[in-house]
C-alpha cells in the first residue's frame, strides 16, 4: 500500500502541469498563421521599416521562441506537418502539387489531423483563409479533416489573387461577382481598390470578417480557430487605403510600388491580429484562450517581394524554398493570460509537428501514437525543458533538385540536389557560432557528417507520390 501511495504521489506530481490546464472546460486555441512572413518581418524580431504593433504587443504579453521552425519551406507540406504532427519525411503531402483548374494533392483518408482530435474532444473547429490540402470532393477537404466551419481559398494557386471571382464556404462555392479578371494580378497591375470599384471585394478582409463572426459565436463550447491568413503572400496587392498611403510616402518608388504594397500587407495582417485579440478580450475569454502566432515558411521573392530590402529573414541565410534557416525558421509567439509568463522568451528548438501533441496535452488528452511531434507544454508554461526531447529535427523539400536538412543540437546539415546527384555532399554548420550558415565546416567534422547523413536516410520514408532521392526517381 505504501508503494502504491508513493507511485500515486509521483504520478500526481508528474501530471501537475496537465491537471492545472485540463480544466472542466478545456482551453480555447486560436492559431494565427501568416503566409510567407519572414523571421525578421515583425518588429519584435528587429524589423524597422514595417509597423507591427499588435504582434509586438503579443510578444510582450507572452512567450516568444527564437528557434522555432515551420514544417518545411513552402505552404502545403508545411501546413500538412502542422495538422498531422508528422515531419515532411512522413507526411502524405510533401509539396505544392496542383492540378488545374482548382485542385491540389489531398490528404488521404488515413491522415489524422489535430482538428479531428479536438473535434472528438468536443471542440467547435473553424479554419478561415487558405486550405490547400485537398480539392472539393476529395478526401482532404476541411470538413473531412476535422473542421466544422471553413471560409476562404480551397486551392493555394488561386490564393495568389486577392480579388478572386469566388471563395468557398465549407463545400459551397461563393461567387464574388464584383471581382473581375482585370481587377487583379501582379504588383504591376491596377488593383480593384485603386480603380475605385465599390463592388470589388478584397479577399483577405472578407475572410477576416468571417473569422470574427465565427469568434463572436463561440460562447459555450471550447473552440479551435485556425486563422490561415493569406497575407503577405504574393501577389502584392490590396486596397489603396491609409495603410498603403502611409508606406507609399515612406517608400517613394516608381512603377508598381512593391515595397509599399508588401509593407501594407504585413501591417494589415497586424491589424487583423489586433482585432482578434480585442474580440477575445471583449467576450471575456482571455483567461482561458491560448493565442499563437507564426508563419508557414520564410519570406518570398515573388510578385515584387524584396526580402533583402526589408531584411525579412532577420539576417539568416535563405528565403522561401530554401532549407537554410531563413527558409524555415519563423517567428512564434504563444499568449495565455495568467498561464504563460509575459515578456518571456526561449531558445528551445521546436517545430510545427510538435504542436499536435502540445494541443493534445493542453486539452487533457493522451498523445496520439506514431506521430513525430513531442509536446512543448512545459516550455510554454515555463516549467523547463520537456521530459522527452527530439534527437534531431528533419526537413525535406521536393523542388529545385530536392533537398534535405537536419538540426542536431547546435549542428545543421543541408544536402542539395538529392534527386539529381547520387550521394551529394552534405554541408555542415555550427549554428551557435555561425547562425547565418556562412562557413561550411563538413570537412572538419566527418563524424558529425556521417551521423547526420544516417539521420537523413532514416527520416525519409519512401512514398511513391513523393520520391526524393536519386535512386527513387531514376
Protein backbone atom coordinates (compact mmCIF):
# COMPACT_ATOMS: atom_id res chain seq x y z
CA UNK A 1 0.00 0.00 0.00
CA UNK A 2 2.90 2.35 0.75
CA UNK A 3 4.36 1.62 -2.68
CA UNK A 4 1.02 2.34 -4.35
CA UNK A 5 0.69 5.55 -2.34
CA UNK A 6 4.17 6.67 -3.39
CA UNK A 7 3.50 5.88 -7.02
CA UNK A 8 0.25 7.82 -6.87
CA UNK A 9 2.09 10.80 -5.43
CA UNK A 10 4.70 10.66 -8.19
CA UNK A 11 2.03 10.45 -10.87
CA UNK A 12 0.19 13.37 -9.35
CA UNK A 13 3.36 15.44 -9.30
CA UNK A 14 4.27 14.46 -12.87
CA UNK A 15 0.75 15.28 -14.01
CA UNK A 16 0.52 18.58 -12.17
CA UNK A 17 1.06 20.57 -15.32
CA UNK A 18 -1.70 18.73 -17.13
CA UNK A 19 -4.12 18.89 -14.22
CA UNK A 20 -3.78 22.65 -13.97
CA UNK A 21 -4.67 23.15 -17.63
CA UNK A 22 -7.15 20.33 -18.29
CA UNK A 23 -9.97 22.18 -16.59
CA UNK A 24 -13.66 21.32 -16.70
CA UNK A 25 -13.79 23.37 -19.84
CA UNK A 26 -10.52 22.87 -21.72
CA UNK A 27 -8.82 25.98 -23.15
CA UNK A 28 -9.78 27.61 -26.42
CA UNK A 29 -7.00 27.67 -29.02
CA UNK A 30 -6.54 30.38 -31.63
CA UNK A 31 -3.75 29.66 -34.10
CA UNK A 32 -2.80 32.57 -36.37
CA UNK A 33 -0.70 31.54 -39.36
CA UNK A 34 0.80 34.18 -41.64
CA UNK A 35 1.69 33.25 -45.21
CA UNK A 36 5.31 33.74 -46.28
CA UNK A 37 6.08 36.12 -43.40
CA UNK A 38 9.80 36.14 -42.69
CA UNK A 39 11.57 35.68 -39.36
CA UNK A 40 12.58 39.35 -39.46
CA UNK A 41 9.38 40.87 -40.86
CA UNK A 42 7.96 41.80 -37.45
CA UNK A 43 9.08 44.45 -35.02
CA UNK A 44 9.85 42.22 -32.05
CA UNK A 45 12.35 40.41 -34.29
CA UNK A 46 14.08 43.62 -35.31
CA UNK A 47 12.01 44.90 -38.25
CA UNK A 48 12.31 48.70 -38.53
CA UNK A 49 10.59 49.56 -41.82
CA UNK A 50 7.22 47.86 -41.24
CA UNK A 51 4.94 48.59 -38.30
CA UNK A 52 3.54 45.55 -36.43
CA UNK A 53 2.38 46.98 -33.06
CA UNK A 54 -0.18 44.29 -32.27
CA UNK A 55 2.12 41.37 -32.99
CA UNK A 56 4.85 43.10 -30.97
CA UNK A 57 2.37 43.55 -28.11
CA UNK A 58 1.65 39.80 -28.26
CA UNK A 59 5.37 39.15 -27.77
CA UNK A 60 5.40 41.42 -24.74
CA UNK A 61 2.35 39.63 -23.30
CA UNK A 62 3.56 36.09 -23.92
CA UNK A 63 6.39 33.76 -24.80
CA UNK A 64 8.43 34.10 -27.99
CA UNK A 65 10.54 31.29 -29.44
CA UNK A 66 13.82 32.35 -31.04
CA UNK A 67 14.39 28.94 -32.68
CA UNK A 68 11.01 27.77 -33.90
CA UNK A 69 10.69 26.02 -37.26
CA UNK A 70 7.97 25.63 -39.86
CA UNK A 71 7.07 22.23 -41.30
CA UNK A 72 9.14 22.97 -44.38
CA UNK A 73 9.83 25.83 -46.75
CA UNK A 74 6.61 26.03 -48.84
CA UNK A 75 2.93 26.24 -48.00
CA UNK A 76 1.09 22.93 -48.43
CA UNK A 77 3.59 20.49 -46.87
CA UNK A 78 4.32 22.90 -44.04
CA UNK A 79 0.60 23.04 -43.19
CA UNK A 80 0.30 19.27 -43.57
CA UNK A 81 3.07 18.86 -41.00
CA UNK A 82 1.30 21.27 -38.65
CA UNK A 83 -2.04 19.48 -38.87
CA UNK A 84 -0.79 15.87 -38.80
CA UNK A 85 2.10 16.05 -36.33
CA UNK A 86 4.44 14.47 -38.89
CA UNK A 87 7.60 15.91 -40.40
CA UNK A 88 7.95 16.04 -44.18
CA UNK A 89 9.73 12.70 -44.35
CA UNK A 90 6.46 11.12 -43.23
CA UNK A 91 3.62 13.45 -44.24
CA UNK A 92 1.22 12.45 -47.00
CA UNK A 93 1.55 15.90 -48.62
CA UNK A 94 5.17 16.86 -49.23
CA UNK A 95 4.94 19.55 -51.90
CA UNK A 96 2.80 22.20 -53.60
CA UNK A 97 1.44 19.88 -56.26
CA UNK A 98 -1.60 21.30 -58.01
CA UNK A 99 -3.88 20.40 -60.91
CA UNK A 100 -5.97 22.84 -62.90
CA UNK A 101 -8.39 24.44 -62.53
CA UNK A 102 -8.61 24.20 -58.72
CA UNK A 103 -7.16 21.00 -57.38
CA UNK A 104 -4.31 20.20 -55.03
CA UNK A 105 -2.85 16.93 -53.86
CA UNK A 106 -5.14 15.87 -50.99
CA UNK A 107 -4.57 14.49 -47.54
CA UNK A 108 -5.78 10.87 -47.72
CA UNK A 109 -8.48 9.31 -45.57
CA UNK A 110 -5.76 7.83 -43.37
CA UNK A 111 -4.33 11.20 -42.33
CA UNK A 112 -5.45 12.16 -38.83
CA UNK A 113 -5.42 15.90 -38.10
CA UNK A 114 -5.30 17.75 -34.81
CA UNK A 115 -8.60 19.37 -35.80
CA UNK A 116 -10.26 15.95 -35.86
CA UNK A 117 -8.77 15.10 -32.47
CA UNK A 118 -10.05 18.35 -30.97
CA UNK A 119 -13.43 17.91 -32.63
CA UNK A 120 -13.74 14.50 -30.98
CA UNK A 121 -12.89 16.20 -27.68
CA UNK A 122 -15.97 18.40 -28.12
CA UNK A 123 -14.37 21.41 -29.76
CA UNK A 124 -16.00 23.62 -32.35
CA UNK A 125 -13.38 23.95 -35.07
CA UNK A 126 -13.04 26.59 -37.76
CA UNK A 127 -10.49 27.46 -40.42
CA UNK A 128 -10.51 30.77 -42.27
CA UNK A 129 -8.07 31.59 -45.03
CA UNK A 130 -6.12 29.21 -47.23
CA UNK A 131 -6.55 25.43 -47.16
CA UNK A 132 -4.55 23.82 -50.00
CA UNK A 133 -4.70 20.23 -48.70
CA UNK A 134 -7.48 18.72 -50.79
CA UNK A 135 -9.77 19.85 -53.61
CA UNK A 136 -13.59 19.92 -53.32
CA UNK A 137 -14.95 16.38 -53.24
CA UNK A 138 -11.60 14.80 -52.35
CA UNK A 139 -10.55 13.01 -49.17
CA UNK A 140 -8.76 16.13 -47.98
CA UNK A 141 -11.43 18.82 -47.69
CA UNK A 142 -11.56 20.86 -44.46
CA UNK A 143 -14.86 19.29 -43.37
CA UNK A 144 -13.39 15.80 -43.78
CA UNK A 145 -10.31 16.77 -41.81
CA UNK A 146 -11.93 17.92 -38.60
CA UNK A 147 -13.24 21.41 -39.26
CA UNK A 148 -16.87 22.34 -38.71
CA UNK A 149 -16.53 25.71 -40.46
CA UNK A 150 -14.38 26.80 -43.40
CA UNK A 151 -14.30 30.02 -45.40
CA UNK A 152 -11.61 31.01 -47.83
CA UNK A 153 -9.49 29.57 -50.65
CA UNK A 154 -9.58 25.85 -51.24
CA UNK A 155 -6.65 25.97 -53.68
CA UNK A 156 -3.47 27.85 -52.86
CA UNK A 157 -2.78 28.65 -56.54
CA UNK A 158 -5.94 30.75 -56.65
CA UNK A 159 -4.91 32.42 -53.39
CA UNK A 160 -2.30 34.42 -55.31
CA UNK A 161 -5.24 36.53 -56.48
CA UNK A 162 -6.62 38.83 -53.77
CA UNK A 163 -9.63 39.78 -55.91
CA UNK A 164 -10.89 36.30 -56.90
CA UNK A 165 -14.22 35.61 -58.59
CA UNK A 166 -15.09 33.11 -55.85
CA UNK A 167 -14.17 31.68 -52.47
CA UNK A 168 -15.51 28.64 -50.59
CA UNK A 169 -17.82 28.37 -47.60
CA UNK A 170 -17.49 24.79 -46.39
CA UNK A 171 -18.21 22.79 -49.59
CA UNK A 172 -20.15 25.54 -51.36
CA UNK A 173 -18.68 27.96 -53.87
CA UNK A 174 -19.32 31.64 -53.00
CA UNK A 175 -19.24 33.80 -56.12
CA UNK A 176 -17.88 37.35 -55.88
CA UNK A 177 -19.41 38.99 -58.97
CA UNK A 178 -17.85 42.38 -58.24
CA UNK A 179 -14.39 40.99 -58.85
CA UNK A 180 -13.37 40.77 -62.50
CA UNK A 181 -10.23 39.39 -64.14
CA UNK A 182 -8.93 42.88 -64.82
CA UNK A 183 -9.10 43.78 -61.15
CA UNK A 184 -6.27 41.54 -60.04
CA UNK A 185 -2.86 40.23 -60.96
CA UNK A 186 0.72 41.03 -60.20
CA UNK A 187 2.17 44.02 -58.41
CA UNK A 188 2.38 45.79 -61.76
CA UNK A 189 -1.38 45.67 -62.32
CA UNK A 190 -4.01 48.08 -61.10
CA UNK A 191 -5.94 46.67 -58.17
CA UNK A 192 -9.69 46.87 -57.89
CA UNK A 193 -9.39 49.15 -54.89
CA UNK A 194 -7.20 51.56 -56.82
CA UNK A 195 -9.74 51.85 -59.62
CA UNK A 196 -12.44 52.84 -57.15
CA UNK A 197 -14.75 49.92 -57.94
CA UNK A 198 -17.06 49.95 -54.93
CA UNK A 199 -18.37 46.45 -55.55
CA UNK A 200 -14.95 44.77 -55.55
CA UNK A 201 -14.03 42.53 -52.63
CA UNK A 202 -10.56 42.21 -51.13
CA UNK A 203 -10.46 38.56 -50.11
CA UNK A 204 -8.26 38.99 -47.04
CA UNK A 205 -10.71 41.48 -45.50
CA UNK A 206 -13.70 39.26 -46.28
CA UNK A 207 -12.03 36.18 -44.79
CA UNK A 208 -11.14 38.13 -41.66
CA UNK A 209 -14.74 39.32 -41.23
CA UNK A 210 -15.96 35.72 -41.39
CA UNK A 211 -13.35 34.72 -38.79
CA UNK A 212 -14.53 37.45 -36.43
CA UNK A 213 -18.13 36.31 -36.92
CA UNK A 214 -17.13 32.75 -36.01
CA UNK A 215 -15.33 34.02 -32.91
CA UNK A 216 -18.32 36.05 -31.75
CA UNK A 217 -20.50 32.94 -31.89
CA UNK A 218 -18.29 30.94 -29.50
CA UNK A 219 -19.95 31.17 -26.10
CA UNK A 220 -20.50 27.72 -24.57
CA UNK A 221 -18.16 25.13 -26.12
CA UNK A 222 -14.38 25.19 -26.35
CA UNK A 223 -13.14 26.09 -29.83
CA UNK A 224 -10.14 25.76 -32.11
CA UNK A 225 -9.86 28.71 -34.50
CA UNK A 226 -7.25 28.29 -37.24
CA UNK A 227 -6.64 31.63 -38.95
CA UNK A 228 -4.72 30.71 -42.09
CA UNK A 229 -4.44 34.24 -43.42
CA UNK A 230 -3.03 34.71 -46.93
CA UNK A 231 -1.03 37.86 -46.12
CA UNK A 232 1.67 38.75 -47.12
CA UNK A 233 1.92 36.06 -49.82
CA UNK A 234 2.33 37.30 -53.38
CA UNK A 235 0.75 38.80 -55.38
CA UNK A 236 1.43 42.18 -53.77
CA UNK A 237 -1.92 43.93 -53.93
CA UNK A 238 -4.51 45.45 -51.71
CA UNK A 239 -6.74 48.45 -51.05
CA UNK A 240 -5.07 51.78 -51.59
CA UNK A 241 -6.20 52.96 -48.17
CA UNK A 242 -4.47 54.89 -45.39
CA UNK A 243 -2.17 51.96 -44.57
CA UNK A 244 -0.94 51.81 -48.15
CA UNK A 245 -0.67 55.60 -48.42
CA UNK A 246 1.48 55.69 -45.30
CA UNK A 247 4.03 53.34 -46.85
CA UNK A 248 3.76 54.96 -50.25
CA UNK A 249 5.03 58.16 -48.65
CA UNK A 250 7.73 56.23 -46.80
CA UNK A 251 8.93 54.34 -49.89
CA UNK A 252 8.59 56.76 -52.85
CA UNK A 253 9.20 54.20 -55.60
CA UNK A 254 8.34 54.46 -59.22
CA UNK A 255 6.13 51.98 -61.02
CA UNK A 256 4.14 49.40 -59.08
CA UNK A 257 5.35 50.35 -55.56
CA UNK A 258 6.10 46.79 -54.38
CA UNK A 259 7.76 47.95 -51.16
CA UNK A 260 4.71 49.97 -50.12
CA UNK A 261 2.41 47.10 -51.10
CA UNK A 262 4.33 44.49 -49.12
CA UNK A 263 4.65 46.65 -46.02
CA UNK A 264 0.94 47.49 -46.17
CA UNK A 265 0.05 43.79 -46.38
CA UNK A 266 2.11 43.00 -43.27
CA UNK A 267 0.61 45.89 -41.32
CA UNK A 268 -2.89 44.88 -42.45
CA UNK A 269 -2.18 41.41 -41.09
CA UNK A 270 -1.08 43.04 -37.85
CA UNK A 271 -4.42 44.90 -37.69
CA UNK A 272 -6.25 41.57 -38.06
CA UNK A 273 -4.25 40.17 -35.14
CA UNK A 274 -5.18 43.17 -33.03
CA UNK A 275 -8.88 42.79 -33.82
CA UNK A 276 -8.83 39.08 -32.94
CA UNK A 277 -7.21 39.82 -29.56
CA UNK A 278 -9.66 42.63 -28.91
CA UNK A 279 -12.61 40.36 -29.70
CA UNK A 280 -11.29 37.71 -27.30
CA UNK A 281 -11.00 40.38 -24.62
CA UNK A 282 -14.48 41.77 -25.24
CA UNK A 283 -16.01 38.30 -24.92
CA UNK A 284 -14.25 37.72 -21.62
CA UNK A 285 -12.30 34.75 -22.99
CA UNK A 286 -8.73 35.89 -22.31
CA UNK A 287 -8.23 33.77 -19.18
CA UNK A 288 -8.99 30.52 -20.96
CA UNK A 289 -7.75 31.16 -24.50
CA UNK A 290 -4.32 30.42 -25.91
CA UNK A 291 -3.34 32.54 -28.89
CA UNK A 292 -0.46 31.51 -31.12
CA UNK A 293 1.15 33.49 -33.93
CA UNK A 294 3.61 32.20 -36.52
CA UNK A 295 4.29 31.84 -40.27
CA UNK A 296 4.25 28.86 -42.62
CA UNK A 297 7.76 29.41 -44.05
CA UNK A 298 10.30 32.08 -44.87
CA UNK A 299 9.77 35.25 -46.94
CA UNK A 300 9.12 35.20 -50.68
CA UNK A 301 10.68 36.99 -53.64
CA UNK A 302 7.69 36.51 -55.99
CA UNK A 303 5.44 39.21 -57.40
CA UNK A 304 7.76 42.04 -56.44
CA UNK A 305 8.71 40.76 -52.98
CA UNK A 306 12.06 42.13 -51.81
CA UNK A 307 13.29 40.31 -48.69
CA UNK A 308 16.71 41.95 -48.94
CA UNK A 309 15.21 45.45 -48.70
CA UNK A 310 13.25 44.59 -45.55
CA UNK A 311 15.82 42.16 -44.10
CA UNK A 312 12.87 39.78 -43.97
CA UNK A 313 14.97 36.77 -43.00
CA UNK A 314 16.33 38.64 -39.99
CA UNK A 315 19.93 38.18 -41.07
CA UNK A 316 19.55 34.44 -41.58
CA UNK A 317 20.58 32.73 -44.80
CA UNK A 318 17.89 31.86 -47.32
CA UNK A 319 14.24 32.57 -48.06
CA UNK A 320 11.19 30.54 -49.09
CA UNK A 321 12.22 27.35 -50.97
CA UNK A 322 15.50 27.11 -49.04
CA UNK A 323 16.15 24.71 -46.18
CA UNK A 324 18.66 27.14 -44.74
CA UNK A 325 17.48 28.90 -41.59
CA UNK A 326 15.86 31.83 -43.41
CA UNK A 327 13.55 29.47 -45.27
CA UNK A 328 12.27 27.50 -42.27
CA UNK A 329 12.89 29.44 -39.05
CA UNK A 330 9.81 31.53 -38.32
CA UNK A 331 8.54 33.95 -35.66
CA UNK A 332 6.49 32.19 -32.99
CA UNK A 333 4.53 33.66 -30.06
CA UNK A 334 2.27 31.99 -27.50
CA UNK A 335 -0.01 34.03 -25.22
CA UNK A 336 -2.20 32.74 -22.39
CA UNK A 337 -3.15 35.22 -19.69
CA UNK A 338 -2.10 34.04 -16.25
CA UNK A 339 -0.52 30.82 -17.56
CA UNK A 340 2.30 31.89 -19.88
CA UNK A 341 4.78 34.40 -18.47
CA UNK A 342 4.53 37.79 -20.15
CA UNK A 343 7.60 39.06 -21.95
CA UNK A 344 9.42 35.73 -21.79
CA UNK A 345 11.44 34.04 -24.49
CA UNK A 346 13.03 30.66 -25.10
CA UNK A 347 15.75 29.31 -27.35
CA UNK A 348 14.28 25.81 -27.16
CA UNK A 349 14.19 24.42 -30.74
CA UNK A 350 10.72 23.18 -31.73
CA UNK A 351 8.80 22.70 -34.97
CA UNK A 352 5.30 22.56 -36.43
CA UNK A 353 4.90 18.83 -35.82
CA UNK A 354 5.32 19.45 -32.07
CA UNK A 355 2.06 21.38 -31.94
CA UNK A 356 -0.17 18.32 -32.48
CA UNK A 357 0.84 16.64 -29.18
CA UNK A 358 1.10 20.01 -27.45
CA UNK A 359 -2.56 20.71 -28.19
CA UNK A 360 -3.49 17.22 -27.02
CA UNK A 361 -1.77 17.72 -23.67
CA UNK A 362 -3.24 21.19 -23.28
CA UNK A 363 -6.73 19.76 -23.73
CA UNK A 364 -6.17 16.85 -21.35
CA UNK A 365 -5.95 14.10 -23.94
CA UNK A 366 -3.49 11.23 -24.37
CA UNK A 367 -0.86 11.87 -27.02
CA UNK A 368 -1.50 10.10 -30.31
CA UNK A 369 0.96 7.30 -31.03
CA UNK A 370 3.01 7.18 -34.22
CA UNK A 371 3.47 10.91 -34.75
CA UNK A 372 6.80 12.74 -34.89
CA UNK A 373 5.90 15.63 -32.61
CA UNK A 374 6.75 15.96 -28.93
CA UNK A 375 4.79 18.19 -26.56
CA UNK A 376 6.28 21.55 -25.58
CA UNK A 377 3.71 22.32 -22.88
CA UNK A 378 6.41 22.52 -20.21
CA UNK A 379 8.25 25.12 -22.26
CA UNK A 380 5.06 27.14 -22.77
CA UNK A 381 4.30 27.17 -19.04
CA UNK A 382 7.85 28.00 -18.00
CA UNK A 383 8.42 24.58 -16.38
CA UNK A 384 11.73 23.88 -18.09
CA UNK A 385 12.56 21.51 -20.92
CA UNK A 386 10.24 18.64 -21.83
CA UNK A 387 10.92 15.21 -20.38
CA UNK A 388 11.13 13.86 -23.93
CA UNK A 389 13.13 15.84 -26.47
CA UNK A 390 14.00 15.32 -30.12
CA UNK A 391 17.29 13.74 -31.01
CA UNK A 392 17.13 15.93 -34.12
CA UNK A 393 14.70 17.78 -36.41
CA UNK A 394 14.29 16.81 -40.08
CA UNK A 395 13.01 18.51 -43.24
CA UNK A 396 12.83 17.61 -46.91
CA UNK A 397 11.86 19.68 -49.94
CA UNK A 398 10.72 18.39 -53.33
CA UNK A 399 11.55 21.25 -55.68
CA UNK A 400 14.75 22.60 -57.22
CA UNK A 401 16.50 19.24 -57.41
CA UNK A 402 15.35 18.16 -53.95
CA UNK A 403 16.97 18.92 -50.60
CA UNK A 404 17.17 17.64 -47.03
CA UNK A 405 18.11 19.27 -43.73
CA UNK A 406 18.72 18.12 -40.16
CA UNK A 407 19.08 20.18 -36.99
CA UNK A 408 21.01 18.16 -34.38
CA UNK A 409 21.79 20.20 -31.30
CA UNK A 410 23.96 23.06 -32.48
CA UNK A 411 24.68 21.31 -35.77
CA UNK A 412 22.79 21.94 -39.02
CA UNK A 413 23.26 19.69 -42.04
CA UNK A 414 21.94 20.54 -45.51
CA UNK A 415 22.07 18.40 -48.67
CA UNK A 416 21.09 19.83 -52.06
CA UNK A 417 20.22 18.13 -55.38
CA UNK A 418 19.35 14.84 -53.72
CA UNK A 419 17.16 13.72 -56.63
CA UNK A 420 19.66 14.60 -59.35
CA UNK A 421 23.03 13.65 -57.84
CA UNK A 422 24.00 10.30 -56.34
CA UNK A 423 25.07 10.77 -52.70
CA UNK A 424 25.52 14.58 -52.85
CA UNK A 425 27.87 16.19 -50.31
CA UNK A 426 26.47 17.42 -47.00
CA UNK A 427 27.03 20.99 -45.88
CA UNK A 428 27.59 21.38 -42.13
CA UNK A 429 27.13 24.49 -40.00
CA UNK A 430 27.61 25.25 -36.31
CA UNK A 431 24.52 27.36 -35.52
CA UNK A 432 25.91 28.52 -32.19
CA UNK A 433 28.99 30.02 -33.80
CA UNK A 434 27.56 30.59 -37.28
CA UNK A 435 23.77 31.20 -37.18
CA UNK A 436 23.92 32.72 -40.69
CA UNK A 437 25.28 29.45 -42.12
CA UNK A 438 28.24 31.08 -43.82
CA UNK A 439 31.05 28.61 -43.15
CA UNK A 440 30.63 25.01 -44.31
CA UNK A 441 32.76 23.01 -41.86
CA UNK A 442 31.86 19.50 -43.08
CA UNK A 443 35.49 18.65 -43.85
CA UNK A 444 36.50 19.33 -40.23
CA UNK A 445 33.82 17.07 -38.71
CA UNK A 446 33.45 13.82 -40.68
CA UNK A 447 31.92 12.02 -37.68
CA UNK A 448 29.13 14.62 -37.38
CA UNK A 449 28.55 14.48 -41.14
CA UNK A 450 28.23 10.69 -41.02
CA UNK A 451 25.69 10.82 -38.20
CA UNK A 452 23.54 13.46 -39.91
CA UNK A 453 23.60 11.53 -43.19
CA UNK A 454 22.37 8.49 -41.26
CA UNK A 455 19.59 10.56 -39.72
CA UNK A 456 18.55 11.82 -43.15
CA UNK A 457 18.33 8.29 -44.56
CA UNK A 458 16.28 7.02 -41.63
CA UNK A 459 13.92 10.03 -41.61
CA UNK A 460 12.90 9.89 -45.26
CA UNK A 461 10.16 7.33 -45.67
CA UNK A 462 9.66 6.39 -49.31
CA UNK A 463 6.34 7.50 -50.80
CA UNK A 464 5.56 6.75 -54.44
CA UNK A 465 3.79 10.10 -54.79
CA UNK A 466 6.78 11.99 -53.40
CA UNK A 467 10.04 10.29 -54.42
CA UNK A 468 13.01 12.33 -53.24
CA UNK A 469 16.34 10.55 -53.53
CA UNK A 470 18.03 9.95 -56.88
CA UNK A 471 17.67 6.18 -56.64
CA UNK A 472 13.91 6.57 -56.06
CA UNK A 473 13.35 8.88 -59.02
CA UNK A 474 15.61 7.28 -61.57
